[in-house]
C-alpha atoms as a PDB file:
ATOM      1  CA  MET A   1      27.348 -80.011 181.679  1.00  0.00           C
ATOM      2  CA  GLN A   2      23.712 -80.529 180.443  1.00  0.00           C
ATOM      3  CA  VAL A   3      21.552 -78.048 178.561  1.00  0.00           C
ATOM      4  CA  SER A   4      17.865 -78.100 178.779  1.00  0.00           C
ATOM      5  CA  PHE A   5      15.938 -76.699 175.843  1.00  0.00           C
ATOM      6  CA  ILE A   6      12.481 -75.657 176.613  1.00  0.00           C
ATOM      7  CA  ILE A   7       9.990 -75.207 173.884  1.00  0.00           C
ATOM      8  CA  PRO A   8       6.271 -74.129 174.434  1.00  0.00           C
ATOM      9  CA  LEU A   9       3.925 -75.284 171.859  1.00  0.00           C
ATOM     10  CA  PHE A  10       0.401 -74.270 170.689  1.00  0.00           C
ATOM     11  CA  ASN A  11      -0.701 -75.702 167.353  1.00  0.00           C
ATOM     12  CA  CYS A  12       1.509 -74.769 164.235  1.00  0.00           C
ATOM     13  CA  LEU A  13       2.673 -78.347 163.926  1.00  0.00           C
ATOM     14  CA  ASP A  14       4.560 -77.802 160.596  1.00  0.00           C
ATOM     15  CA  LEU A  15       6.615 -74.985 162.158  1.00  0.00           C
ATOM     16  CA  THR A  16       7.314 -77.045 165.255  1.00  0.00           C
ATOM     17  CA  GLN A  17       8.651 -79.983 163.259  1.00  0.00           C
ATOM     18  CA  ALA A  18      10.860 -77.740 161.073  1.00  0.00           C
ATOM     19  CA  MET A  19      12.163 -75.994 164.184  1.00  0.00           C
ATOM     20  CA  ILE A  20      12.882 -79.269 165.940  1.00  0.00           C
ATOM     21  CA  ALA A  21      14.672 -80.623 162.853  1.00  0.00           C
ATOM     22  CA  SER A  22      16.883 -77.458 162.707  1.00  0.00           C
ATOM     23  CA  LEU A  23      17.692 -77.685 166.438  1.00  0.00           C
ATOM     24  CA  GLN A  24      18.866 -81.227 166.225  1.00  0.00           C
ATOM     25  CA  GLU A  25      20.817 -80.402 163.095  1.00  0.00           C
ATOM     26  CA  THR A  26      22.722 -77.529 164.564  1.00  0.00           C
ATOM     27  CA  LEU A  27      23.608 -78.779 168.133  1.00  0.00           C
ATOM     28  CA  PRO A  28      27.169 -80.047 168.828  1.00  0.00           C
ATOM     29  CA  ARG A  29      27.286 -83.741 168.444  1.00  0.00           C
ATOM     30  CA  LYS A  30      28.713 -84.360 171.937  1.00  0.00           C
ATOM     31  CA  LEU A  31      26.410 -81.987 173.823  1.00  0.00           C
ATOM     32  CA  SER A  32      24.686 -83.470 176.778  1.00  0.00           C
ATOM     33  CA  HIS A  33      21.157 -82.169 176.513  1.00  0.00           C
ATOM     34  CA  GLU A  34      17.333 -82.747 176.890  1.00  0.00           C
ATOM     35  CA  ILE A  35      14.564 -81.190 174.861  1.00  0.00           C
ATOM     36  CA  ILE A  36      11.501 -80.412 176.830  1.00  0.00           C
ATOM     37  CA  LEU A  37       8.276 -79.720 174.787  1.00  0.00           C
ATOM     38  CA  VAL A  38       5.354 -78.254 176.726  1.00  0.00           C
ATOM     39  CA  ASP A  39       2.107 -78.641 174.737  1.00  0.00           C
ATOM     40  CA  ASP A  40      -0.295 -75.909 175.712  1.00  0.00           C
ATOM     41  CA  GLY A  41      -3.629 -77.425 174.520  1.00  0.00           C
ATOM     42  CA  SER A  42      -2.905 -77.957 170.692  1.00  0.00           C
ATOM     43  CA  THR A  43      -5.810 -79.391 168.633  1.00  0.00           C
ATOM     44  CA  ASP A  44      -4.014 -79.705 165.157  1.00  0.00           C
ATOM     45  CA  GLY A  45      -2.318 -83.086 165.593  1.00  0.00           C
ATOM     46  CA  THR A  46       0.572 -81.837 167.668  1.00  0.00           C
ATOM     47  CA  ARG A  47      -0.284 -84.075 170.586  1.00  0.00           C
ATOM     48  CA  GLU A  48      -0.347 -87.183 168.430  1.00  0.00           C
ATOM     49  CA  TRP A  49       2.994 -86.236 167.001  1.00  0.00           C
ATOM     50  CA  LEU A  50       4.388 -85.669 170.524  1.00  0.00           C
ATOM     51  CA  ALA A  51       3.552 -89.155 171.365  1.00  0.00           C
ATOM     52  CA  THR A  52       5.869 -90.648 168.873  1.00  0.00           C
ATOM     53  CA  LEU A  53       9.034 -89.003 170.402  1.00  0.00           C
ATOM     54  CA  ASN A  54      11.795 -90.588 172.330  1.00  0.00           C
ATOM     55  CA  GLU A  55      14.875 -89.399 174.109  1.00  0.00           C
ATOM     56  CA  PRO A  56      16.241 -86.689 174.241  1.00  0.00           C
ATOM     57  CA  PHE A  57      12.615 -85.443 174.146  1.00  0.00           C
ATOM     58  CA  ARG A  58      10.508 -85.024 177.345  1.00  0.00           C
ATOM     59  CA  VAL A  59       6.907 -84.049 176.950  1.00  0.00           C
ATOM     60  CA  ILE A  60       4.475 -82.077 179.229  1.00  0.00           C
ATOM     61  CA  TYR A  61       0.765 -81.798 178.337  1.00  0.00           C
ATOM     62  CA  ASN A  62      -1.019 -78.896 179.790  1.00  0.00           C
ATOM     63  CA  ASP A  63      -4.744 -79.783 180.584  1.00  0.00           C
ATOM     64  CA  ARG A  64      -5.719 -76.365 179.207  1.00  0.00           C
ATOM     65  CA  ASN A  65      -4.085 -73.451 177.623  1.00  0.00           C
ATOM     66  CA  LEU A  66      -2.041 -71.850 180.191  1.00  0.00           C
ATOM     67  CA  GLY A  67      -0.099 -69.382 178.066  1.00  0.00           C
ATOM     68  CA  TYR A  68       3.580 -68.726 177.418  1.00  0.00           C
ATOM     69  CA  ALA A  69       4.787 -67.810 180.718  1.00  0.00           C
ATOM     70  CA  ALA A  70       3.166 -70.763 182.643  1.00  0.00           C
ATOM     71  CA  SER A  71       4.210 -73.254 180.006  1.00  0.00           C
ATOM     72  CA  ASN A  72       7.872 -72.155 180.159  1.00  0.00           C
ATOM     73  CA  ASN A  73       7.667 -72.224 184.061  1.00  0.00           C
ATOM     74  CA  ARG A  74       6.342 -75.849 183.815  1.00  0.00           C
ATOM     75  CA  GLY A  75       9.187 -76.785 181.432  1.00  0.00           C
ATOM     76  CA  ALA A  76      11.865 -75.203 183.583  1.00  0.00           C
ATOM     77  CA  GLY A  77      10.456 -76.949 186.698  1.00  0.00           C
ATOM     78  CA  LEU A  78      11.121 -80.245 184.940  1.00  0.00           C
ATOM     79  CA  ALA A  79      14.696 -79.347 183.656  1.00  0.00           C
ATOM     80  CA  GLN A  80      17.750 -80.908 184.851  1.00  0.00           C
ATOM     81  CA  GLY A  81      20.309 -78.903 182.909  1.00  0.00           C
ATOM     82  CA  GLU A  82      22.622 -76.377 184.378  1.00  0.00           C
ATOM     83  CA  ALA A  83      21.679 -74.047 181.677  1.00  0.00           C
ATOM     84  CA  LEU A  84      18.223 -73.333 180.172  1.00  0.00           C
ATOM     85  CA  VAL A  85      17.547 -72.309 176.586  1.00  0.00           C
ATOM     86  CA  LEU A  86      14.070 -71.060 175.990  1.00  0.00           C
ATOM     87  CA  LEU A  87      13.091 -71.474 172.286  1.00  0.00           C
ATOM     88  CA  ASN A  88       9.845 -70.537 170.356  1.00  0.00           C
ATOM     89  CA  ASN A  89       8.483 -73.237 168.133  1.00  0.00           C
ATOM     90  CA  ASP A  90       8.505 -70.901 165.079  1.00  0.00           C
ATOM     91  CA  LEU A  91      12.245 -70.470 164.861  1.00  0.00           C
ATOM     92  CA  LEU A  92      14.706 -71.808 162.205  1.00  0.00           C
ATOM     93  CA  LEU A  93      18.043 -72.345 163.756  1.00  0.00           C
ATOM     94  CA  SER A  94      21.015 -71.800 161.498  1.00  0.00           C
ATOM     95  CA  PRO A  95      24.386 -73.607 161.783  1.00  0.00           C
ATOM     96  CA  GLY A  96      26.756 -71.942 164.369  1.00  0.00           C
ATOM     97  CA  TRP A  97      23.907 -70.238 166.304  1.00  0.00           C
ATOM     98  CA  PHE A  98      24.434 -72.203 169.584  1.00  0.00           C
ATOM     99  CA  GLU A  99      28.194 -71.960 170.234  1.00  0.00           C
ATOM    100  CA  PRO A 100      28.372 -68.152 170.529  1.00  0.00           C
ATOM    101  CA  ILE A 101      25.766 -67.970 173.291  1.00  0.00           C
ATOM    102  CA  MET A 102      27.587 -70.684 175.264  1.00  0.00           C
ATOM    103  CA  ARG A 103      30.775 -68.652 174.922  1.00  0.00           C
ATOM    104  CA  ALA A 104      28.988 -65.575 176.160  1.00  0.00           C
ATOM    105  CA  ARG A 105      27.692 -67.678 179.169  1.00  0.00           C
ATOM    106  CA  ARG A 106      31.229 -68.780 179.954  1.00  0.00           C
ATOM    107  CA  ARG A 107      32.354 -65.006 179.620  1.00  0.00           C
ATOM    108  CA  PHE A 108      29.895 -64.054 182.280  1.00  0.00           C
ATOM    109  CA  LYS A 109      30.180 -67.112 184.451  1.00  0.00           C
ATOM    110  CA  GLN A 110      31.271 -65.288 187.577  1.00  0.00           C
ATOM    111  CA  ARG A 111      27.965 -63.262 187.411  1.00  0.00           C
ATOM    112  CA  PRO A 112      25.599 -65.069 185.117  1.00  0.00           C
ATOM    113  CA  ALA A 113      23.891 -63.004 182.507  1.00  0.00           C
ATOM    114  CA  ILE A 114      20.733 -63.529 180.455  1.00  0.00           C
ATOM    115  CA  ILE A 115      21.828 -64.020 176.839  1.00  0.00           C
ATOM    116  CA  GLY A 116      19.845 -63.563 173.700  1.00  0.00           C
ATOM    117  CA  ASN A 117      20.917 -63.223 169.981  1.00  0.00           C
ATOM    118  CA  ILE A 118      20.213 -61.632 166.619  1.00  0.00           C
ATOM    119  CA  GLN A 119      17.017 -62.789 164.990  1.00  0.00           C
ATOM    120  CA  ARG A 120      16.048 -62.259 161.368  1.00  0.00           C
ATOM    121  CA  ASN A 121      12.483 -62.248 159.912  1.00  0.00           C
ATOM    122  CA  PHE A 122      12.078 -65.583 158.171  1.00  0.00           C
ATOM    123  CA  GLN A 123       9.945 -64.133 155.338  1.00  0.00           C
ATOM    124  CA  ASN A 124      12.283 -61.349 154.258  1.00  0.00           C
ATOM    125  CA  GLY A 125      15.466 -61.770 156.026  1.00  0.00           C
ATOM    126  CA  ALA A 126      15.283 -58.340 157.606  1.00  0.00           C
ATOM    127  CA  ILE A 127      16.746 -57.940 161.209  1.00  0.00           C
ATOM    128  CA  ASP A 128      13.982 -58.140 163.746  1.00  0.00           C
ATOM    129  CA  HIS A 129      15.993 -58.193 167.042  1.00  0.00           C
ATOM    130  CA  THR A 130      19.331 -57.160 168.220  1.00  0.00           C
ATOM    131  CA  GLY A 131      17.986 -56.616 171.680  1.00  0.00           C
ATOM    132  CA  ILE A 132      15.215 -54.635 173.278  1.00  0.00           C
ATOM    133  CA  PHE A 133      15.396 -50.929 174.159  1.00  0.00           C
ATOM    134  CA  ILE A 134      13.047 -48.492 175.853  1.00  0.00           C
ATOM    135  CA  ASN A 135      11.760 -46.044 173.225  1.00  0.00           C
ATOM    136  CA  LEU A 136      10.770 -42.376 173.817  1.00  0.00           C
ATOM    137  CA  LYS A 137       7.158 -43.405 174.816  1.00  0.00           C
ATOM    138  CA  GLY A 138       8.637 -45.436 177.639  1.00  0.00           C
ATOM    139  CA  LYS A 139       7.728 -48.637 175.821  1.00  0.00           C
ATOM    140  CA  PRO A 140      10.028 -51.722 175.061  1.00  0.00           C
ATOM    141  CA  GLU A 141      10.927 -52.045 171.412  1.00  0.00           C
ATOM    142  CA  HIS A 142      12.922 -54.436 169.435  1.00  0.00           C
ATOM    143  CA  ASP A 143      16.215 -52.902 168.168  1.00  0.00           C
ATOM    144  CA  ARG A 144      16.151 -53.588 164.412  1.00  0.00           C
ATOM    145  CA  SER A 145      19.259 -51.618 163.620  1.00  0.00           C
ATOM    146  CA  GLY A 146      21.552 -53.164 161.076  1.00  0.00           C
ATOM    147  CA  HIS A 147      24.027 -55.777 162.264  1.00  0.00           C
ATOM    148  CA  ASN A 148      27.678 -55.022 161.286  1.00  0.00           C
ATOM    149  CA  LEU A 149      29.426 -58.339 160.652  1.00  0.00           C
ATOM    150  CA  PHE A 150      32.908 -56.713 161.152  1.00  0.00           C
ATOM    151  CA  LEU A 151      31.846 -55.283 164.464  1.00  0.00           C
ATOM    152  CA  GLY A 152      30.460 -58.581 165.455  1.00  0.00           C
ATOM    153  CA  ILE A 153      33.872 -60.084 164.940  1.00  0.00           C
ATOM    154  CA  LEU A 154      35.527 -57.353 167.153  1.00  0.00           C
ATOM    155  CA  PHE A 155      32.887 -57.167 169.833  1.00  0.00           C
ATOM    156  CA  PRO A 156      31.096 -60.565 170.315  1.00  0.00           C
ATOM    157  CA  HIS A 157      28.333 -59.320 172.615  1.00  0.00           C
ATOM    158  CA  ARG A 158      26.677 -56.082 173.976  1.00  0.00           C
ATOM    159  CA  GLU A 159      24.678 -55.200 176.921  1.00  0.00           C
ATOM    160  CA  VAL A 160      20.959 -54.225 176.310  1.00  0.00           C
ATOM    161  CA  ALA A 161      17.989 -53.427 178.423  1.00  0.00           C
ATOM    162  CA  ALA A 162      16.241 -56.877 177.681  1.00  0.00           C
ATOM    163  CA  VAL A 163      15.979 -59.659 175.007  1.00  0.00           C
ATOM    164  CA  THR A 164      13.066 -61.536 173.667  1.00  0.00           C
ATOM    165  CA  GLY A 165      12.169 -64.879 175.182  1.00  0.00           C
ATOM    166  CA  ALA A 166      12.013 -66.282 171.627  1.00  0.00           C
ATOM    167  CA  CYS A 167      15.614 -67.479 172.120  1.00  0.00           C
ATOM    168  CA  LEU A 168      17.093 -66.894 175.418  1.00  0.00           C
ATOM    169  CA  LEU A 169      19.742 -68.587 177.586  1.00  0.00           C
ATOM    170  CA  ILE A 170      19.737 -68.360 181.376  1.00  0.00           C
ATOM    171  CA  ASP A 171      21.464 -70.412 184.082  1.00  0.00           C
ATOM    172  CA  ARG A 172      18.899 -72.504 185.841  1.00  0.00           C
ATOM    173  CA  ALA A 173      20.146 -71.248 189.145  1.00  0.00           C
ATOM    174  CA  LEU A 174      19.481 -67.755 188.148  1.00  0.00           C
ATOM    175  CA  TRP A 175      16.068 -68.741 186.819  1.00  0.00           C
ATOM    176  CA  LEU A 176      15.147 -70.146 190.037  1.00  0.00           C
ATOM    177  CA  GLN A 177      16.566 -67.178 192.076  1.00  0.00           C
ATOM    178  CA  LEU A 178      14.384 -64.921 189.966  1.00  0.00           C
ATOM    179  CA  GLY A 179      11.260 -67.143 190.237  1.00  0.00           C
ATOM    180  CA  GLY A 180      10.831 -67.683 186.448  1.00  0.00           C
ATOM    181  CA  PHE A 181       8.309 -65.913 184.384  1.00  0.00           C
ATOM    182  CA  ASP A 182       5.691 -63.699 185.990  1.00  0.00           C
ATOM    183  CA  GLU A 183       2.420 -65.533 184.949  1.00  0.00           C
ATOM    184  CA  GLN A 184       0.328 -62.313 185.368  1.00  0.00           C
ATOM    185  CA  PHE A 185       1.688 -61.437 181.889  1.00  0.00           C
ATOM    186  CA  SER A 186      -0.276 -62.960 179.069  1.00  0.00           C
ATOM    187  CA  ASN A 187       1.897 -63.887 176.143  1.00  0.00           C
ATOM    188  CA  GLY A 188       3.964 -60.811 176.145  1.00  0.00           C
ATOM    189  CA  GLY A 189       6.117 -58.706 178.495  1.00  0.00           C
ATOM    190  CA  GLU A 190       7.190 -61.661 180.742  1.00  0.00           C
ATOM    191  CA  ASP A 191      10.645 -61.662 179.054  1.00  0.00           C
ATOM    192  CA  VAL A 192      11.246 -58.045 179.555  1.00  0.00           C
ATOM    193  CA  ASP A 193      10.086 -58.316 183.178  1.00  0.00           C
ATOM    194  CA  LEU A 194      12.524 -61.123 183.672  1.00  0.00           C
ATOM    195  CA  CYS A 195      15.460 -59.240 182.269  1.00  0.00           C
ATOM    196  CA  PHE A 196      14.533 -56.240 184.604  1.00  0.00           C
ATOM    197  CA  ARG A 197      14.425 -58.350 187.665  1.00  0.00           C
ATOM    198  CA  ALA A 198      17.824 -59.820 186.705  1.00  0.00           C
ATOM    199  CA  ARG A 199      19.124 -56.169 186.201  1.00  0.00           C
ATOM    200  CA  ILE A 200      18.225 -55.004 189.678  1.00  0.00           C
ATOM    201  CA  SER A 201      19.756 -58.184 191.073  1.00  0.00           C
ATOM    202  CA  GLY A 202      23.057 -57.225 189.464  1.00  0.00           C
ATOM    203  CA  HIS A 203      22.969 -59.545 186.395  1.00  0.00           C
ATOM    204  CA  LYS A 204      23.297 -58.184 182.908  1.00  0.00           C
ATOM    205  CA  THR A 205      21.334 -58.976 179.772  1.00  0.00           C
ATOM    206  CA  ILE A 206      23.516 -59.571 176.732  1.00  0.00           C
ATOM    207  CA  VAL A 207      23.076 -60.077 173.002  1.00  0.00           C
ATOM    208  CA  SER A 208      25.453 -62.387 171.342  1.00  0.00           C
ATOM    209  CA  LEU A 209      26.369 -60.686 168.075  1.00  0.00           C
ATOM    210  CA  ARG A 210      27.661 -63.891 166.585  1.00  0.00           C
ATOM    211  CA  SER A 211      24.524 -66.020 167.024  1.00  0.00           C
ATOM    212  CA  ILE A 212      21.952 -65.501 164.185  1.00  0.00           C
ATOM    213  CA  ILE A 213      18.690 -67.272 163.742  1.00  0.00           C
ATOM    214  CA  ARG A 214      15.481 -66.838 161.769  1.00  0.00           C
ATOM    215  CA  HIS A 215      12.032 -66.262 163.204  1.00  0.00           C
ATOM    216  CA  HIS A 216       8.421 -66.663 161.895  1.00  0.00           C
ATOM    217  CA  ILE A 217       7.362 -63.645 163.869  1.00  0.00           C
ATOM    218  CA  SER A 218       4.261 -63.888 166.087  1.00  0.00           C
ATOM    219  CA  SER A 219       2.973 -66.936 164.318  1.00  0.00           C
ATOM    220  CA  SER A 220       1.264 -68.541 167.438  1.00  0.00           C
ATOM    221  CA  PRO A 221      -2.501 -67.957 167.483  1.00  0.00           C
ATOM    222  CA  GLY A 222      -3.618 -65.035 169.677  1.00  0.00           C
ATOM    223  CA  ARG A 223       0.076 -63.781 170.053  1.00  0.00           C
ATOM    224  CA  LYS A 224      -0.881 -60.015 169.943  1.00  0.00           C
ATOM    225  CA  LEU A 225      -4.249 -59.989 171.779  1.00  0.00           C
ATOM    226  CA  HIS A 226      -2.915 -58.651 175.152  1.00  0.00           C
ATOM    227  CA  ASP A 227      -0.116 -56.301 173.986  1.00  0.00           C
ATOM    228  CA  GLU A 228      -1.713 -53.173 175.602  1.00  0.00           C
ATOM    229  CA  THR A 229      -2.495 -54.797 178.942  1.00  0.00           C
ATOM    230  CA  ASN A 230       0.947 -56.438 179.070  1.00  0.00           C
ATOM    231  CA  THR A 231       2.751 -53.143 178.377  1.00  0.00           C
ATOM    232  CA  LEU A 232       0.494 -51.345 180.907  1.00  0.00           C
ATOM    233  CA  ARG A 233       1.419 -53.968 183.543  1.00  0.00           C
ATOM    234  CA  LEU A 234       5.060 -53.721 182.814  1.00  0.00           C
ATOM    235  CA  THR A 235       5.034 -49.943 183.022  1.00  0.00           C
ATOM    236  CA  GLN A 236       3.069 -50.070 186.370  1.00  0.00           C
ATOM    237  CA  LYS A 237       5.579 -52.513 187.694  1.00  0.00           C
ATOM    238  CA  TRP A 238       8.751 -50.943 186.439  1.00  0.00           C
ATOM    239  CA  ARG A 239       8.149 -47.214 185.915  1.00  0.00           C
ATOM    240  CA  ASN A 240      11.212 -45.878 187.559  1.00  0.00           C
ATOM    241  CA  GLU A 241      13.530 -48.490 185.810  1.00  0.00           C
ATOM    242  CA  ILE A 242      11.904 -47.668 182.418  1.00  0.00           C
ATOM    243  CA  VAL A 243      12.538 -43.950 182.951  1.00  0.00           C
ATOM    244  CA  LEU A 244      16.255 -44.638 183.680  1.00  0.00           C
ATOM    245  CA  LEU A 245      16.683 -47.125 180.658  1.00  0.00           C
ATOM    246  CA  GLY A 246      15.000 -44.599 178.370  1.00  0.00           C
ATOM    247  CA  ALA A 247      16.813 -41.433 179.480  1.00  0.00           C
ATOM    248  CA  ARG A 248      19.921 -41.678 177.231  1.00  0.00           C
ATOM    249  CA  ARG A 249      17.862 -42.097 174.080  1.00  0.00           C
ATOM    250  CA  TRP A 250      15.719 -39.181 175.431  1.00  0.00           C
ATOM    251  CA  CYS A 251      18.796 -37.000 175.689  1.00  0.00           C
ATOM    252  CA  TRP A 252      19.891 -37.706 172.096  1.00  0.00           C
ATOM    253  CA  ASP A 253      16.379 -36.886 170.806  1.00  0.00           C
ATOM    254  CA  TYR A 254      16.417 -33.684 172.886  1.00  0.00           C
ATOM    255  CA  LEU A 255      19.694 -32.516 171.495  1.00  0.00           C
ATOM    256  CA  HIS A 256      18.343 -33.138 168.051  1.00  0.00           C
ATOM    257  CA  ARG A 257      15.159 -31.130 168.661  1.00  0.00           C
ATOM    258  CA  ALA A 258      17.189 -28.328 170.490  1.00  0.00           C
ATOM    259  CA  TRP A 259      19.668 -27.948 167.616  1.00  0.00           C
ATOM    260  CA  THR A 260      17.647 -25.265 165.681  1.00  0.00           C
ATOM    261  CA  ALA A 261      15.266 -24.131 168.505  1.00  0.00           C
ATOM    262  CA  PRO A 262      15.572 -20.919 170.174  1.00  0.00           C
ATOM    263  CA  HIS A 263      17.780 -21.170 173.372  1.00  0.00           C
ATOM    264  CA  SER A 264      17.656 -19.689 176.832  1.00  0.00           C
ATOM    265  CA  ALA A 265      20.303 -19.881 179.500  1.00  0.00           C
ATOM    266  CA  ARG A 266      18.442 -22.721 181.008  1.00  0.00           C
ATOM    267  CA  ASP A 267      18.288 -24.573 177.586  1.00  0.00           C
ATOM    268  CA  HIS A 268      22.011 -24.349 177.469  1.00  0.00           C
ATOM    269  CA  VAL A 269      22.570 -25.874 180.812  1.00  0.00           C
ATOM    270  CA  ASP A 270      20.019 -28.678 179.970  1.00  0.00           C
ATOM    271  CA  ALA A 271      21.673 -29.286 176.506  1.00  0.00           C
ATOM    272  CA  ARG A 272      25.141 -29.540 178.134  1.00  0.00           C
ATOM    273  CA  GLN A 273      23.914 -32.071 180.716  1.00  0.00           C
ATOM    274  CA  ALA A 274      22.058 -34.040 178.194  1.00  0.00           C
ATOM    275  CA  LEU A 275      25.152 -34.107 175.907  1.00  0.00           C
ATOM    276  CA  PHE A 276      27.469 -35.298 178.688  1.00  0.00           C
ATOM    277  CA  TYR A 277      25.055 -38.084 179.626  1.00  0.00           C
ATOM    278  CA  ALA A 278      24.422 -39.176 176.157  1.00  0.00           C
ATOM    279  CA  LEU A 279      28.263 -39.481 175.589  1.00  0.00           C
ATOM    280  CA  HIS A 280      28.616 -41.395 178.848  1.00  0.00           C
ATOM    281  CA  LEU A 281      30.546 -38.540 180.393  1.00  0.00           C
ATOM    282  CA  ARG A 282      27.976 -38.248 183.189  1.00  0.00           C
ATOM    283  CA  ALA A 283      26.995 -40.994 185.477  1.00  0.00           C
ATOM    284  CA  THR A 284      23.348 -40.100 186.084  1.00  0.00           C
ATOM    285  CA  PRO A 285      20.800 -38.882 183.793  1.00  0.00           C
ATOM    286  CA  PRO A 286      19.963 -35.136 184.027  1.00  0.00           C
ATOM    287  CA  ALA A 287      16.680 -34.026 185.646  1.00  0.00           C
ATOM    288  CA  VAL A 288      15.358 -32.714 182.270  1.00  0.00           C
ATOM    289  CA  ALA A 289      15.636 -36.281 180.895  1.00  0.00           C
ATOM    290  CA  LEU A 290      13.899 -37.836 183.790  1.00  0.00           C
ATOM    291  CA  THR A 291      11.075 -35.322 183.580  1.00  0.00           C
ATOM    292  CA  GLY A 292      10.753 -35.847 179.802  1.00  0.00           C
ATOM    293  CA  MET A 293      10.433 -39.604 180.205  1.00  0.00           C
ATOM    294  CA  HIS A 294       7.926 -39.345 183.004  1.00  0.00           C
ATOM    295  CA  GLN A 295       5.838 -36.983 180.824  1.00  0.00           C
ATOM    296  CA  ALA A 296       5.952 -39.415 178.032  1.00  0.00           C
ATOM    297  CA  ILE A 297       4.736 -42.327 180.260  1.00  0.00           C
ATOM    298  CA  ASP A 298       1.927 -40.076 181.625  1.00  0.00           C
ATOM    299  CA  LEU A 299       0.762 -39.619 178.073  1.00  0.00           C
ATOM    300  CA  GLU A 300       0.709 -43.353 177.657  1.00  0.00           C
ATOM    301  CA  PHE A 301      -1.250 -43.828 180.819  1.00  0.00           C
ATOM    302  CA  ASN A 302      -3.835 -41.244 179.654  1.00  0.00           C
ATOM    303  CA  ARG A 303      -4.112 -43.236 176.411  1.00  0.00           C
ATOM    304  CA  TRP A 304      -4.570 -46.625 178.315  1.00  0.00           C
ATOM    305  CA  LYS A 305      -7.358 -44.987 180.390  1.00  0.00           C
ATOM    306  CA  GLN A 306      -9.215 -44.164 177.181  1.00  0.00           C
ATOM    307  CA  LEU A 307      -8.481 -47.518 175.527  1.00  0.00           C
ATOM    308  CA  LEU A 308      -8.862 -49.946 178.562  1.00  0.00           C
ATOM    309  CA  GLY A 309     -11.087 -47.930 180.896  1.00  0.00           C
ATOM    310  CA  PRO A 310     -11.011 -48.913 184.671  1.00  0.00           C
ATOM    311  CA  ALA A 311      -8.229 -51.649 183.999  1.00  0.00           C
ATOM    312  CA  ALA A 312      -5.705 -48.819 183.393  1.00  0.00           C
END
């Protein structure tokens, strides 16, 4: 089986070279693979360096800056591997990072999953990503909760709402089925959108708890320029899914807030239903949680209208 590694580039040549070196040093020696580099209009010497590369590298040059989603789509369109691994050019890959995500792939082979991993901040070693969850405002947020090595041994993976595209494995067949990244997103949100589309198609998103890498976070120029419009687009597209994915966390917060508050008979009913759902003893979220999440999203839409004007 062949694996295609797809890496979009935009300047940051020193980070790219360090990342590529760590990739080649950490891959299994007998792995059949290709490394597809998509340059998105670099001006810092990256293109001159790319011209010196030979197999297993394949290089695509964008005529202009197309952005993260389009660059990955171009790379995936050229890929020949059965599995695609999307990688940012500002990662540093540690020994043993690759094998666990491949084991997770085999575990879910009958119903392919999108697979991410644990990512640490390169500068300080703090955990930056153990998956993505929907917060109480209805917005995707990196789970930065501590990683327990012992639990990682017992439970090699866990299901999450989404994972970051900074390091993501997906079967090429599933990528083609989903249509790749939505290029309406501008350097943010396209990875969450992909995971949501996989979810409604019956495919899980998984974090491999035994795969750990380091990440120079948001080092690409202009990475954060479109965060608000990307999140707005994601919410417009996936409001109901976001409400459902945030409902359990909302229930826990509701129970915490209700603990010392005055109670009515209705409050007791709501608290009981929230508790059962929070503990996975109820299959569907209670109405109070759905209402609460919708209200939180309405507040965000009001904020976007003030911030973005007619675009919201």
